[in-house]
Each structure stands twice: as C-alpha cells, then as structure tokens.
C-alpha atoms as a PDB file:
ATOM      1  CA  MET A   1      15.453 -31.016 -10.286  1.00  0.00           C
ATOM      2  CA  LYS A   2      15.417 -29.628  -6.746  1.00  0.00           C
ATOM      3  CA  ARG A   3      17.098 -26.435  -7.984  1.00  0.00           C
ATOM      4  CA  TYR A   4      14.303 -25.825 -10.528  1.00  0.00           C
ATOM      5  CA  LEU A   5      11.606 -26.397  -7.913  1.00  0.00           C
ATOM      6  CA  LEU A   6      13.243 -23.988  -5.482  1.00  0.00           C
ATOM      7  CA  SER A   7      13.751 -21.401  -8.218  1.00  0.00           C
ATOM      8  CA  GLY A   8      10.132 -21.705  -9.295  1.00  0.00           C
ATOM      9  CA  LEU A   9       8.916 -21.418  -5.720  1.00  0.00           C
ATOM     10  CA  THR A  10      11.058 -18.329  -5.168  1.00  0.00           C
ATOM     11  CA  ILE A  11       9.658 -16.688  -8.299  1.00  0.00           C
ATOM     12  CA  VAL A  12       6.077 -17.463  -7.297  1.00  0.00           C
ATOM     13  CA  LEU A  13       6.537 -16.108  -3.765  1.00  0.00           C
ATOM     14  CA  SER A  14       8.250 -12.933  -4.936  1.00  0.00           C
ATOM     15  CA  THR A  15       5.509 -12.358  -7.513  1.00  0.00           C
ATOM     16  CA  LEU A  16       2.851 -12.701  -4.822  1.00  0.00           C
ATOM     17  CA  ALA A  17       4.698 -10.283  -2.546  1.00  0.00           C
ATOM     18  CA  ILE A  18       5.016  -7.698  -5.311  1.00  0.00           C
ATOM     19  CA  ALA A  19       1.372  -8.098  -6.319  1.00  0.00           C
ATOM     20  CA  SER A  20       0.128  -7.569  -2.767  1.00  0.00           C
ATOM     21  CA  ALA A  21       2.296  -4.472  -2.355  1.00  0.00           C
ATOM     22  CA  ALA A  22       1.088  -3.069  -5.663  1.00  0.00           C
ATOM     23  CA  ASN A  23      -2.513  -3.680  -4.653  1.00  0.00           C
ATOM     24  CA  ALA A  24      -2.218  -1.418  -1.594  1.00  0.00           C
ATOM     25  CA  GLY A  25      -3.171   1.970  -2.982  1.00  0.00           C
ATOM     26  CA  GLN A  26      -2.395   5.325  -1.482  1.00  0.00           C
ATOM     27  CA  THR A  27      -4.919   8.101  -1.021  1.00  0.00           C
ATOM     28  CA  ASN A  28      -4.481  11.268  -3.046  1.00  0.00           C
ATOM     29  CA  LEU A  29      -5.164  14.910  -2.155  1.00  0.00           C
ATOM     30  CA  ASN A  30      -8.690  14.807  -3.629  1.00  0.00           C
ATOM     31  CA  ASP A  31      -9.976  12.211  -1.148  1.00  0.00           C
ATOM     32  CA  PRO A  32     -12.223  13.767   1.528  1.00  0.00           C
ATOM     33  CA  ALA A  33     -11.560  10.789   3.843  1.00  0.00           C
ATOM     34  CA  ALA A  34      -7.982  12.072   4.280  1.00  0.00           C
ATOM     35  CA  ASP A  35      -9.274  15.391   5.700  1.00  0.00           C
ATOM     36  CA  LEU A  36      -8.617  14.503   9.331  1.00  0.00           C
ATOM     37  CA  ASN A  37      -9.444  17.848  10.956  1.00  0.00           C
ATOM     38  CA  GLY A  38     -12.550  18.531   8.813  1.00  0.00           C
ATOM     39  CA  ASP A  39     -11.575  21.949   7.490  1.00  0.00           C
ATOM     40  CA  GLY A  40     -12.138  20.987   3.841  1.00  0.00           C
ATOM     41  CA  VAL A  41      -8.449  21.137   2.883  1.00  0.00           C
ATOM     42  CA  VAL A  42      -6.285  18.010   2.720  1.00  0.00           C
ATOM     43  CA  THR A  43      -2.716  18.847   3.657  1.00  0.00           C
ATOM     44  CA  ILE A  44       0.353  16.717   3.076  1.00  0.00           C
ATOM     45  CA  GLY A  45       0.612  15.973   6.800  1.00  0.00           C
ATOM     46  CA  GLU A  46      -2.989  14.777   6.946  1.00  0.00           C
ATOM     47  CA  LEU A  47      -2.403  12.655   3.864  1.00  0.00           C
ATOM     48  CA  VAL A  48       0.676  11.020   5.381  1.00  0.00           C
ATOM     49  CA  MET A  49      -1.140  10.272   8.650  1.00  0.00           C
ATOM     50  CA  HIS A  50      -4.177   8.906   6.793  1.00  0.00           C
ATOM     51  CA  ASN A  51      -2.031   6.612   4.641  1.00  0.00           C
ATOM     52  CA  ARG A  52      -0.159   5.330   7.717  1.00  0.00           C
ATOM     53  CA  ASP A  53      -3.436   4.589   9.467  1.00  0.00           C
ATOM     54  CA  GLN A  54      -4.736   2.727   6.412  1.00  0.00           C
ATOM     55  CA  ARG A  55      -1.614   0.573   6.166  1.00  0.00           C
ATOM     56  CA  GLN A  56      -1.721  -0.403   9.844  1.00  0.00           C
ATOM     57  CA  SER A  57      -5.351  -1.489   9.845  1.00  0.00           C
END
C-alpha cells in the first residue's frame, strides 16, 4: 500500500513540475518588448537576454 501511495505522489509531483515548466512561455522575434535597445529590430541576442530576464523575475 505504501508503494502505491509513494508512486502516486511521485507521479503527481512530476506532473506539476512539467506543467509549470510548460506554462513558462518564451518570447518570439515579433515581440516589441524584447527590443532592448529600441532600434525596432529584435536580434537573437536581445531575445536571449529578454528571456533570461523574464525567467529570473
């Protein structure tokens, strides 16, 4: 019985971890918020920095 409870708990916790990771969306190249220097063009470097900042906040 204890084995089934621990297995069920493990499945529930892993499902919650996967769901929270899937919920964190990344910004794409069409998002003006990722334009960090304001020149109107979103580069890959700006996109990477913007996504890192969003994950840390």
